[in-house]
Amino acid sequence: LAGVQQCLRDRGVNVSGQETNVPDLQSDP
């Protein structure tokens, strides 16, 4: 999860850091 969050941040995606699963990360397609 931590690695995926950082990967998304590196791609300019806003990540809250409160996500725990794929649906959380996908909450805003």
mmCIF file of all heavy atoms, coordinates in Angstrom:
data_MODEL
# 
_entry.id   MODEL 
# 
loop_
_atom_site.group_PDB 
_atom_site.id 
_atom_site.type_symbol 
_atom_site.label_atom_id 
_atom_site.label_alt_id 
_atom_site.label_comp_id 
_atom_site.label_asym_id 
_atom_site.label_entity_id 
_atom_site.label_seq_id 
_atom_site.pdbx_PDB_ins_code 
_atom_site.Cartn_x 
_atom_site.Cartn_y 
_atom_site.Cartn_z 
_atom_site.occupancy 
_atom_site.B_iso_or_equiv 
_atom_site.pdbx_formal_charge 
_atom_site.auth_seq_id 
_atom_site.auth_comp_id 
_atom_site.auth_asym_id 
_atom_site.auth_atom_id 
_atom_site.pdbx_PDB_model_num 
ATOM 1   N N   . LEU A 1 1  ? 0.828   -1.202 0.000   1.00 0.00 ? 1  LEU A N   1 
ATOM 2   C CA  . LEU A 1 1  ? 0.000   0.000  0.000   1.00 0.00 ? 1  LEU A CA  1 
ATOM 3   C C   . LEU A 1 1  ? 0.868   1.260  0.000   1.00 0.00 ? 1  LEU A C   1 
ATOM 4   O O   . LEU A 1 1  ? 0.629   2.196  -0.773  1.00 0.00 ? 1  LEU A O   1 
ATOM 5   C CB  . LEU A 1 1  ? -0.916  -0.001 1.219   1.00 0.00 ? 1  LEU A CB  1 
ATOM 6   C CG  . LEU A 1 1  ? -1.800  1.239  1.412   1.00 0.00 ? 1  LEU A CG  1 
ATOM 7   C CD1 . LEU A 1 1  ? -2.750  1.404  0.237   1.00 0.00 ? 1  LEU A CD1 1 
ATOM 8   C CD2 . LEU A 1 1  ? -2.577  1.140  2.726   1.00 0.00 ? 1  LEU A CD2 1 
ATOM 9   N N   . ALA A 1 2  ? 1.874   1.284  0.869   1.00 0.00 ? 2  ALA A N   1 
ATOM 10  C CA  . ALA A 1 2  ? 2.746   2.453  0.932   1.00 0.00 ? 2  ALA A CA  1 
ATOM 11  C C   . ALA A 1 2  ? 3.456   2.677  -0.398  1.00 0.00 ? 2  ALA A C   1 
ATOM 12  O O   . ALA A 1 2  ? 3.589   3.821  -0.874  1.00 0.00 ? 2  ALA A O   1 
ATOM 13  C CB  . ALA A 1 2  ? 3.763   2.277  2.063   1.00 0.00 ? 2  ALA A CB  1 
ATOM 14  N N   . GLY A 1 3  ? 3.901   1.591  -1.021  1.00 0.00 ? 3  GLY A N   1 
ATOM 15  C CA  . GLY A 1 3  ? 4.576   1.702  -2.315  1.00 0.00 ? 3  GLY A CA  1 
ATOM 16  C C   . GLY A 1 3  ? 3.650   2.190  -3.409  1.00 0.00 ? 3  GLY A C   1 
ATOM 17  O O   . GLY A 1 3  ? 4.032   3.016  -4.254  1.00 0.00 ? 3  GLY A O   1 
ATOM 18  N N   . VAL A 1 4  ? 2.413   1.703  -3.405  1.00 0.00 ? 4  VAL A N   1 
ATOM 19  C CA  . VAL A 1 4  ? 1.433   2.119  -4.414  1.00 0.00 ? 4  VAL A CA  1 
ATOM 20  C C   . VAL A 1 4  ? 1.072   3.586  -4.221  1.00 0.00 ? 4  VAL A C   1 
ATOM 21  O O   . VAL A 1 4  ? 0.959   4.348  -5.197  1.00 0.00 ? 4  VAL A O   1 
ATOM 22  C CB  . VAL A 1 4  ? 0.167   1.234  -4.334  1.00 0.00 ? 4  VAL A CB  1 
ATOM 23  C CG1 . VAL A 1 4  ? -0.950  1.805  -5.205  1.00 0.00 ? 4  VAL A CG1 1 
ATOM 24  C CG2 . VAL A 1 4  ? 0.485   -0.191 -4.767  1.00 0.00 ? 4  VAL A CG2 1 
ATOM 25  N N   . GLN A 1 5  ? 0.900   4.001  -2.993  1.00 0.00 ? 5  GLN A N   1 
ATOM 26  C CA  . GLN A 1 5  ? 0.582   5.410  -2.721  1.00 0.00 ? 5  GLN A CA  1 
ATOM 27  C C   . GLN A 1 5  ? 1.697   6.326  -3.234  1.00 0.00 ? 5  GLN A C   1 
ATOM 28  O O   . GLN A 1 5  ? 1.423   7.362  -3.851  1.00 0.00 ? 5  GLN A O   1 
ATOM 29  C CB  . GLN A 1 5  ? 0.369   5.615  -1.214  1.00 0.00 ? 5  GLN A CB  1 
ATOM 30  C CG  . GLN A 1 5  ? -0.920  5.013  -0.698  1.00 0.00 ? 5  GLN A CG  1 
ATOM 31  C CD  . GLN A 1 5  ? -0.997  4.994  0.825   1.00 0.00 ? 5  GLN A CD  1 
ATOM 32  O OE1 . GLN A 1 5  ? 0.027   4.855  1.505   1.00 0.00 ? 5  GLN A OE1 1 
ATOM 33  N NE2 . GLN A 1 5  ? -2.200  5.142  1.361   1.00 0.00 ? 5  GLN A NE2 1 
ATOM 34  N N   . GLN A 1 6  ? 2.944   5.943  -2.973  1.00 0.00 ? 6  GLN A N   1 
ATOM 35  C CA  . GLN A 1 6  ? 4.063   6.766  -3.438  1.00 0.00 ? 6  GLN A CA  1 
ATOM 36  C C   . GLN A 1 6  ? 4.142   6.761  -4.957  1.00 0.00 ? 6  GLN A C   1 
ATOM 37  O O   . GLN A 1 6  ? 4.422   7.806  -5.581  1.00 0.00 ? 6  GLN A O   1 
ATOM 38  C CB  . GLN A 1 6  ? 5.373   6.245  -2.846  1.00 0.00 ? 6  GLN A CB  1 
ATOM 39  C CG  . GLN A 1 6  ? 6.572   7.145  -3.140  1.00 0.00 ? 6  GLN A CG  1 
ATOM 40  C CD  . GLN A 1 6  ? 6.354   8.567  -2.642  1.00 0.00 ? 6  GLN A CD  1 
ATOM 41  O OE1 . GLN A 1 6  ? 6.017   8.782  -1.473  1.00 0.00 ? 6  GLN A OE1 1 
ATOM 42  N NE2 . GLN A 1 6  ? 6.536   9.556  -3.525  1.00 0.00 ? 6  GLN A NE2 1 
ATOM 43  N N   . CYS A 1 7  ? 3.899   5.617  -5.552  1.00 0.00 ? 7  CYS A N   1 
ATOM 44  C CA  . CYS A 1 7  ? 3.901   5.509  -7.013  1.00 0.00 ? 7  CYS A CA  1 
ATOM 45  C C   . CYS A 1 7  ? 2.869   6.454  -7.618  1.00 0.00 ? 7  CYS A C   1 
ATOM 46  O O   . CYS A 1 7  ? 3.140   7.147  -8.606  1.00 0.00 ? 7  CYS A O   1 
ATOM 47  C CB  . CYS A 1 7  ? 3.629   4.064  -7.421  1.00 0.00 ? 7  CYS A CB  1 
ATOM 48  S SG  . CYS A 1 7  ? 3.454   3.793  -9.200  1.00 0.00 ? 7  CYS A SG  1 
ATOM 49  N N   . LEU A 1 8  ? 1.692   6.498  -7.027  1.00 0.00 ? 8  LEU A N   1 
ATOM 50  C CA  . LEU A 1 8  ? 0.636   7.378  -7.528  1.00 0.00 ? 8  LEU A CA  1 
ATOM 51  C C   . LEU A 1 8  ? 1.016   8.848  -7.338  1.00 0.00 ? 8  LEU A C   1 
ATOM 52  O O   . LEU A 1 8  ? 0.777   9.683  -8.222  1.00 0.00 ? 8  LEU A O   1 
ATOM 53  C CB  . LEU A 1 8  ? -0.686  7.074  -6.810  1.00 0.00 ? 8  LEU A CB  1 
ATOM 54  C CG  . LEU A 1 8  ? -1.334  5.729  -7.163  1.00 0.00 ? 8  LEU A CG  1 
ATOM 55  C CD1 . LEU A 1 8  ? -2.518  5.445  -6.239  1.00 0.00 ? 8  LEU A CD1 1 
ATOM 56  C CD2 . LEU A 1 8  ? -1.802  5.720  -8.621  1.00 0.00 ? 8  LEU A CD2 1 
ATOM 57  N N   . ARG A 1 9  ? 1.607   9.168  -6.188  1.00 0.00 ? 9  ARG A N   1 
ATOM 58  C CA  . ARG A 1 9  ? 2.041   10.553 -5.952  1.00 0.00 ? 9  ARG A CA  1 
ATOM 59  C C   . ARG A 1 9  ? 3.068   10.972 -7.006  1.00 0.00 ? 9  ARG A C   1 
ATOM 60  O O   . ARG A 1 9  ? 3.034   12.108 -7.515  1.00 0.00 ? 9  ARG A O   1 
ATOM 61  C CB  . ARG A 1 9  ? 2.644   10.692 -4.557  1.00 0.00 ? 9  ARG A CB  1 
ATOM 62  C CG  . ARG A 1 9  ? 1.657   10.560 -3.407  1.00 0.00 ? 9  ARG A CG  1 
ATOM 63  C CD  . ARG A 1 9  ? 2.300   10.946 -2.080  1.00 0.00 ? 9  ARG A CD  1 
ATOM 64  N NE  . ARG A 1 9  ? 1.412   10.685 -0.958  1.00 0.00 ? 9  ARG A NE  1 
ATOM 65  C CZ  . ARG A 1 9  ? 1.490   9.614  -0.172  1.00 0.00 ? 9  ARG A CZ  1 
ATOM 66  N NH1 . ARG A 1 9  ? 2.436   8.693  -0.387  1.00 0.00 ? 9  ARG A NH1 1 
ATOM 67  N NH2 . ARG A 1 9  ? 0.650   9.462  0.827   1.00 0.00 ? 9  ARG A NH2 1 
ATOM 68  N N   . ASP A 1 10 ? 3.974   10.051 -7.315  1.00 0.00 ? 10 ASP A N   1 
ATOM 69  C CA  . ASP A 1 10 ? 5.007   10.352 -8.316  1.00 0.00 ? 10 ASP A CA  1 
ATOM 70  C C   . ASP A 1 10 ? 4.396   10.617 -9.683  1.00 0.00 ? 10 ASP A C   1 
ATOM 71  O O   . ASP A 1 10 ? 5.017   11.278 -10.523 1.00 0.00 ? 10 ASP A O   1 
ATOM 72  C CB  . ASP A 1 10 ? 5.997   9.186  -8.428  1.00 0.00 ? 10 ASP A CB  1 
ATOM 73  C CG  . ASP A 1 10 ? 6.834   9.003  -7.162  1.00 0.00 ? 10 ASP A CG  1 
ATOM 74  O OD1 . ASP A 1 10 ? 6.877   9.942  -6.341  1.00 0.00 ? 10 ASP A OD1 1 
ATOM 75  O OD2 . ASP A 1 10 ? 7.418   7.909  -6.988  1.00 0.00 ? 10 ASP A OD2 1 
ATOM 76  N N   . ARG A 1 11 ? 3.194   10.115 -9.890  1.00 0.00 ? 11 ARG A N   1 
ATOM 77  C CA  . ARG A 1 11 ? 2.508   10.315 -11.161 1.00 0.00 ? 11 ARG A CA  1 
ATOM 78  C C   . ARG A 1 11 ? 1.527   11.487 -11.099 1.00 0.00 ? 11 ARG A C   1 
ATOM 79  O O   . ARG A 1 11 ? 0.712   11.670 -12.006 1.00 0.00 ? 11 ARG A O   1 
ATOM 80  C CB  . ARG A 1 11 ? 1.758   9.035  -11.556 1.00 0.00 ? 11 ARG A CB  1 
ATOM 81  C CG  . ARG A 1 11 ? 2.694   7.876  -11.904 1.00 0.00 ? 11 ARG A CG  1 
ATOM 82  C CD  . ARG A 1 11 ? 1.952   6.549  -11.998 1.00 0.00 ? 11 ARG A CD  1 
ATOM 83  N NE  . ARG A 1 11 ? 2.847   5.474  -12.415 1.00 0.00 ? 11 ARG A NE  1 
ATOM 84  C CZ  . ARG A 1 11 ? 3.058   5.113  -13.674 1.00 0.00 ? 11 ARG A CZ  1 
ATOM 85  N NH1 . ARG A 1 11 ? 2.415   5.731  -14.661 1.00 0.00 ? 11 ARG A NH1 1 
ATOM 86  N NH2 . ARG A 1 11 ? 3.897   4.144  -13.975 1.00 0.00 ? 11 ARG A NH2 1 
ATOM 87  N N   . GLY A 1 12 ? 1.587   12.245 -10.030 1.00 0.00 ? 12 GLY A N   1 
ATOM 88  C CA  . GLY A 1 12 ? 0.747   13.428 -9.913  1.00 0.00 ? 12 GLY A CA  1 
ATOM 89  C C   . GLY A 1 12 ? -0.655  13.174 -9.401  1.00 0.00 ? 12 GLY A C   1 
ATOM 90  O O   . GLY A 1 12 ? -1.536  14.028 -9.499  1.00 0.00 ? 12 GLY A O   1 
ATOM 91  N N   . VAL A 1 13 ? -0.864  11.976 -8.831  1.00 0.00 ? 13 VAL A N   1 
ATOM 92  C CA  . VAL A 1 13 ? -2.191  11.627 -8.304  1.00 0.00 ? 13 VAL A CA  1 
ATOM 93  C C   . VAL A 1 13 ? -2.279  12.039 -6.834  1.00 0.00 ? 13 VAL A C   1 
ATOM 94  O O   . VAL A 1 13 ? -1.343  11.794 -6.056  1.00 0.00 ? 13 VAL A O   1 
ATOM 95  C CB  . VAL A 1 13 ? -2.449  10.117 -8.433  1.00 0.00 ? 13 VAL A CB  1 
ATOM 96  C CG1 . VAL A 1 13 ? -3.785  9.738  -7.795  1.00 0.00 ? 13 VAL A CG1 1 
ATOM 97  C CG2 . VAL A 1 13 ? -2.437  9.708  -9.899  1.00 0.00 ? 13 VAL A CG2 1 
ATOM 98  N N   . ASN A 1 14 ? -3.378  12.690 -6.471  1.00 0.00 ? 14 ASN A N   1 
ATOM 99  C CA  . ASN A 1 14 ? -3.579  13.085 -5.077  1.00 0.00 ? 14 ASN A CA  1 
ATOM 100 C C   . ASN A 1 14 ? -3.934  11.867 -4.236  1.00 0.00 ? 14 ASN A C   1 
ATOM 101 O O   . ASN A 1 14 ? -4.905  11.168 -4.515  1.00 0.00 ? 14 ASN A O   1 
ATOM 102 C CB  . ASN A 1 14 ? -4.702  14.123 -4.965  1.00 0.00 ? 14 ASN A CB  1 
ATOM 103 C CG  . ASN A 1 14 ? -4.351  15.434 -5.629  1.00 0.00 ? 14 ASN A CG  1 
ATOM 104 O OD1 . ASN A 1 14 ? -3.200  15.884 -5.565  1.00 0.00 ? 14 ASN A OD1 1 
ATOM 105 N ND2 . ASN A 1 14 ? -5.322  16.056 -6.278  1.00 0.00 ? 14 ASN A ND2 1 
ATOM 106 N N   . VAL A 1 15 ? -3.129  11.601 -3.217  1.00 0.00 ? 15 VAL A N   1 
ATOM 107 C CA  . VAL A 1 15 ? -3.356  10.470 -2.316  1.00 0.00 ? 15 VAL A CA  1 
ATOM 108 C C   . VAL A 1 15 ? -3.412  11.000 -0.891  1.00 0.00 ? 15 VAL A C   1 
ATOM 109 O O   . VAL A 1 15 ? -2.517  11.742 -0.468  1.00 0.00 ? 15 VAL A O   1 
ATOM 110 C CB  . VAL A 1 15 ? -2.223  9.424  -2.448  1.00 0.00 ? 15 VAL A CB  1 
ATOM 111 C CG1 . VAL A 1 15 ? -2.446  8.278  -1.477  1.00 0.00 ? 15 VAL A CG1 1 
ATOM 112 C CG2 . VAL A 1 15 ? -2.152  8.899  -3.873  1.00 0.00 ? 15 VAL A CG2 1 
ATOM 113 N N   . SER A 1 16 ? -4.449  10.623 -0.153  1.00 0.00 ? 16 SER A N   1 
ATOM 114 C CA  . SER A 1 16 ? -4.622  11.149 1.202   1.00 0.00 ? 16 SER A CA  1 
ATOM 115 C C   . SER A 1 16 ? -3.719  10.474 2.230   1.00 0.00 ? 16 SER A C   1 
ATOM 116 O O   . SER A 1 16 ? -3.396  11.052 3.263   1.00 0.00 ? 16 SER A O   1 
ATOM 117 C CB  . SER A 1 16 ? -6.084  10.983 1.641   1.00 0.00 ? 16 SER A CB  1 
ATOM 118 O OG  . SER A 1 16 ? -6.391  9.607  1.850   1.00 0.00 ? 16 SER A OG  1 
ATOM 119 N N   . GLY A 1 17 ? -3.352  9.221  1.949   1.00 0.00 ? 17 GLY A N   1 
ATOM 120 C CA  . GLY A 1 17 ? -2.588  8.467  2.931   1.00 0.00 ? 17 GLY A CA  1 
ATOM 121 C C   . GLY A 1 17 ? -3.477  7.692  3.885   1.00 0.00 ? 17 GLY A C   1 
ATOM 122 O O   . GLY A 1 17 ? -2.990  6.914  4.713   1.00 0.00 ? 17 GLY A O   1 
ATOM 123 N N   . GLN A 1 18 ? -4.789  7.882  3.772   1.00 0.00 ? 18 GLN A N   1 
ATOM 124 C CA  . GLN A 1 18 ? -5.751  7.178  4.631   1.00 0.00 ? 18 GLN A CA  1 
ATOM 125 C C   . GLN A 1 18 ? -6.321  5.937  3.959   1.00 0.00 ? 18 GLN A C   1 
ATOM 126 O O   . GLN A 1 18 ? -7.113  5.213  4.555   1.00 0.00 ? 18 GLN A O   1 
ATOM 127 C CB  . GLN A 1 18 ? -6.912  8.116  5.005   1.00 0.00 ? 18 GLN A CB  1 
ATOM 128 C CG  . GLN A 1 18 ? -6.481  9.383  5.738   1.00 0.00 ? 18 GLN A CG  1 
ATOM 129 C CD  . GLN A 1 18 ? -5.721  9.079  7.012   1.00 0.00 ? 18 GLN A CD  1 
ATOM 130 O OE1 . GLN A 1 18 ? -6.193  8.302  7.846   1.00 0.00 ? 18 GLN A OE1 1 
ATOM 131 N NE2 . GLN A 1 18 ? -4.553  9.680  7.167   1.00 0.00 ? 18 GLN A NE2 1 
ATOM 132 N N   . GLU A 1 19 ? -5.943  5.684  2.737   1.00 0.00 ? 19 GLU A N   1 
ATOM 133 C CA  . GLU A 1 19 ? -6.470  4.529  2.007   1.00 0.00 ? 19 GLU A CA  1 
ATOM 134 C C   . GLU A 1 19 ? -5.982  3.223  2.638   1.00 0.00 ? 19 GLU A C   1 
ATOM 135 O O   . GLU A 1 19 ? -4.877  3.160  3.179   1.00 0.00 ? 19 GLU A O   1 
ATOM 136 C CB  . GLU A 1 19 ? -6.029  4.574  0.545   1.00 0.00 ? 19 GLU A CB  1 
ATOM 137 C CG  . GLU A 1 19 ? -6.507  5.800  -0.222  1.00 0.00 ? 19 GLU A CG  1 
ATOM 138 C CD  . GLU A 1 19 ? -5.573  6.991  -0.075  1.00 0.00 ? 19 GLU A CD  1 
ATOM 139 O OE1 . GLU A 1 19 ? -4.526  6.863  0.610   1.00 0.00 ? 19 GLU A OE1 1 
ATOM 140 O OE2 . GLU A 1 19 ? -5.884  8.051  -0.630  1.00 0.00 ? 19 GLU A OE2 1 
ATOM 141 N N   . THR A 1 20 ? -6.818  2.201  2.559   1.00 0.00 ? 20 THR A N   1 
ATOM 142 C CA  . THR A 1 20 ? -6.421  0.889  3.075   1.00 0.00 ? 20 THR A CA  1 
ATOM 143 C C   . THR A 1 20 ? -6.582  -0.220 2.043   1.00 0.00 ? 20 THR A C   1 
ATOM 144 O O   . THR A 1 20 ? -6.149  -1.347 2.284   1.00 0.00 ? 20 THR A O   1 
ATOM 145 C CB  . THR A 1 20 ? -7.254  0.505  4.314   1.00 0.00 ? 20 THR A CB  1 
ATOM 146 O OG1 . THR A 1 20 ? -8.646  0.417  3.949   1.00 0.00 ? 20 THR A OG1 1 
ATOM 147 C CG2 . THR A 1 20 ? -7.089  1.520  5.431   1.00 0.00 ? 20 THR A CG2 1 
ATOM 148 N N   . ASN A 1 21 ? -7.195  0.091  0.892   1.00 0.00 ? 21 ASN A N   1 
ATOM 149 C CA  . ASN A 1 21 ? -7.469  -0.949 -0.088  1.00 0.00 ? 21 ASN A CA  1 
ATOM 150 C C   . ASN A 1 21 ? -7.651  -0.353 -1.479  1.00 0.00 ? 21 ASN A C   1 
ATOM 151 O O   . ASN A 1 21 ? -7.639  0.877  -1.658  1.00 0.00 ? 21 ASN A O   1 
ATOM 152 C CB  . ASN A 1 21 ? -8.715  -1.754 0.321   1.00 0.00 ? 21 ASN A CB  1 
ATOM 153 C CG  . ASN A 1 21 ? -9.902  -0.855 0.629   1.00 0.00 ? 21 ASN A CG  1 
ATOM 154 O OD1 . ASN A 1 21 ? -10.207 0.068  -0.126  1.00 0.00 ? 21 ASN A OD1 1 
ATOM 155 N ND2 . ASN A 1 21 ? -10.571 -1.101 1.750   1.00 0.00 ? 21 ASN A ND2 1 
ATOM 156 N N   . VAL A 1 22 ? -7.832  -1.222 -2.457  1.00 0.00 ? 22 VAL A N   1 
ATOM 157 C CA  . VAL A 1 22 ? -8.005  -0.773 -3.838  1.00 0.00 ? 22 VAL A CA  1 
ATOM 158 C C   . VAL A 1 22 ? -9.239  0.108  -4.006  1.00 0.00 ? 22 VAL A C   1 
ATOM 159 O O   . VAL A 1 22 ? -9.164  1.154  -4.663  1.00 0.00 ? 22 VAL A O   1 
ATOM 160 C CB  . VAL A 1 22 ? -8.062  -1.989 -4.798  1.00 0.00 ? 22 VAL A CB  1 
ATOM 161 C CG1 . VAL A 1 22 ? -8.456  -1.536 -6.211  1.00 0.00 ? 22 VAL A CG1 1 
ATOM 162 C CG2 . VAL A 1 22 ? -6.712  -2.704 -4.839  1.00 0.00 ? 22 VAL A CG2 1 
ATOM 163 N N   . PRO A 1 23 ? -10.419 -0.246 -3.429  1.00 0.00 ? 23 PRO A N   1 
ATOM 164 C CA  . PRO A 1 23 ? -11.578 0.641  -3.566  1.00 0.00 ? 23 PRO A CA  1 
ATOM 165 C C   . PRO A 1 23 ? -11.312 2.055  -3.040  1.00 0.00 ? 23 PRO A C   1 
ATOM 166 O O   . PRO A 1 23 ? -11.791 3.030  -3.625  1.00 0.00 ? 23 PRO A O   1 
ATOM 167 C CB  . PRO A 1 23 ? -12.656 -0.068 -2.745  1.00 0.00 ? 23 PRO A CB  1 
ATOM 168 C CG  . PRO A 1 23 ? -12.294 -1.512 -2.832  1.00 0.00 ? 23 PRO A CG  1 
ATOM 169 C CD  . PRO A 1 23 ? -10.793 -1.528 -2.780  1.00 0.00 ? 23 PRO A CD  1 
ATOM 170 N N   . ASP A 1 24 ? -10.552 2.166  -1.947  1.00 0.00 ? 24 ASP A N   1 
ATOM 171 C CA  . ASP A 1 24 ? -10.213 3.502  -1.438  1.00 0.00 ? 24 ASP A CA  1 
ATOM 172 C C   . ASP A 1 24 ? -9.379  4.274  -2.462  1.00 0.00 ? 24 ASP A C   1 
ATOM 173 O O   . ASP A 1 24 ? -9.624  5.457  -2.717  1.00 0.00 ? 24 ASP A O   1 
ATOM 174 C CB  . ASP A 1 24 ? -9.407  3.395  -0.139  1.00 0.00 ? 24 ASP A CB  1 
ATOM 175 C CG  . ASP A 1 24 ? -10.238 2.952  1.046   1.00 0.00 ? 24 ASP A CG  1 
ATOM 176 O OD1 . ASP A 1 24 ? -11.475 2.938  0.939   1.00 0.00 ? 24 ASP A OD1 1 
ATOM 177 O OD2 . ASP A 1 24 ? -9.648  2.595  2.085   1.00 0.00 ? 24 ASP A OD2 1 
ATOM 178 N N   . LEU A 1 25 ? -8.396  3.617  -3.034  1.00 0.00 ? 25 LEU A N   1 
ATOM 179 C CA  . LEU A 1 25 ? -7.532  4.261  -4.019  1.00 0.00 ? 25 LEU A CA  1 
ATOM 180 C C   . LEU A 1 25 ? -8.293  4.596  -5.290  1.00 0.00 ? 25 LEU A C   1 
ATOM 181 O O   . LEU A 1 25 ? -7.915  5.496  -6.039  1.00 0.00 ? 25 LEU A O   1 
ATOM 182 C CB  . LEU A 1 25 ? -6.351  3.341  -4.353  1.00 0.00 ? 25 LEU A CB  1 
ATOM 183 C CG  . LEU A 1 25 ? -5.357  3.104  -3.211  1.00 0.00 ? 25 LEU A CG  1 
ATOM 184 C CD1 . LEU A 1 25 ? -4.435  1.925  -3.548  1.00 0.00 ? 25 LEU A CD1 1 
ATOM 185 C CD2 . LEU A 1 25 ? -4.526  4.361  -2.937  1.00 0.00 ? 25 LEU A CD2 1 
ATOM 186 N N   . GLN A 1 26 ? -9.375  3.863  -5.514  1.00 0.00 ? 26 GLN A N   1 
ATOM 187 C CA  . GLN A 1 26 ? -10.171 4.021  -6.733  1.00 0.00 ? 26 GLN A CA  1 
ATOM 188 C C   . GLN A 1 26 ? -11.386 4.917  -6.502  1.00 0.00 ? 26 GLN A C   1 
ATOM 189 O O   . GLN A 1 26 ? -12.196 5.103  -7.397  1.00 0.00 ? 26 GLN A O   1 
ATOM 190 C CB  . GLN A 1 26 ? -10.638 2.634  -7.206  1.00 0.00 ? 26 GLN A CB  1 
ATOM 191 C CG  . GLN A 1 26 ? -11.231 2.605  -8.595  1.00 0.00 ? 26 GLN A CG  1 
ATOM 192 C CD  . GLN A 1 26 ? -12.028 1.336  -8.836  1.00 0.00 ? 26 GLN A CD  1 
ATOM 193 O OE1 . GLN A 1 26 ? -12.097 0.476  -7.961  1.00 0.00 ? 26 GLN A OE1 1 
ATOM 194 N NE2 . GLN A 1 26 ? -12.625 1.215  -10.004 1.00 0.00 ? 26 GLN A NE2 1 
ATOM 195 N N   . SER A 1 27 ? -11.521 5.472  -5.303  1.00 0.00 ? 27 SER A N   1 
ATOM 196 C CA  . SER A 1 27 ? -12.737 6.210  -4.959  1.00 0.00 ? 27 SER A CA  1 
ATOM 197 C C   . SER A 1 27 ? -13.007 7.381  -5.896  1.00 0.00 ? 27 SER A C   1 
ATOM 198 O O   . SER A 1 27 ? -14.137 7.798  -6.082  1.00 0.00 ? 27 SER A O   1 
ATOM 199 C CB  . SER A 1 27 ? -12.646 6.723  -3.517  1.00 0.00 ? 27 SER A CB  1 
ATOM 200 O OG  . SER A 1 27 ? -11.527 7.589  -3.367  1.00 0.00 ? 27 SER A OG  1 
ATOM 201 N N   . ASP A 1 28 ? -11.961 7.913  -6.511  1.00 0.00 ? 28 ASP A N   1 
ATOM 202 C CA  . ASP A 1 28 ? -12.119 9.008  -7.475  1.00 0.00 ? 28 ASP A CA  1 
ATOM 203 C C   . ASP A 1 28 ? -11.389 8.621  -8.766  1.00 0.00 ? 28 ASP A C   1 
ATOM 204 O O   . ASP A 1 28 ? -10.210 8.933  -8.939  1.00 0.00 ? 28 ASP A O   1 
ATOM 205 C CB  . ASP A 1 28 ? -11.543 10.308 -6.915  1.00 0.00 ? 28 ASP A CB  1 
ATOM 206 C CG  . ASP A 1 28 ? -11.751 11.497 -7.866  1.00 0.00 ? 28 ASP A CG  1 
ATOM 207 O OD1 . ASP A 1 28 ? -12.368 11.299 -8.936  1.00 0.00 ? 28 ASP A OD1 1 
ATOM 208 O OD2 . ASP A 1 28 ? -11.279 12.600 -7.533  1.00 0.00 ? 28 ASP A OD2 1 
ATOM 209 N N   . PRO A 1 29 ? -12.063 7.899  -9.658  1.00 0.00 ? 29 PRO A N   1 
ATOM 210 C CA  . PRO A 1 29 ? -11.414 7.420  -10.884 1.00 0.00 ? 29 PRO A CA  1 
ATOM 211 C C   . PRO A 1 29 ? -10.793 8.540  -11.715 1.00 0.00 ? 29 PRO A C   1 
ATOM 212 O O   . PRO A 1 29 ? -9.796  8.333  -12.401 1.00 0.00 ? 29 PRO A O   1 
ATOM 213 C CB  . PRO A 1 29 ? -12.547 6.746  -11.646 1.00 0.00 ? 29 PRO A CB  1 
ATOM 214 C CG  . PRO A 1 29 ? -13.551 6.396  -10.603 1.00 0.00 ? 29 PRO A CG  1 
ATOM 215 C CD  . PRO A 1 29 ? -13.465 7.492  -9.584  1.00 0.00 ? 29 PRO A CD  1 
# 
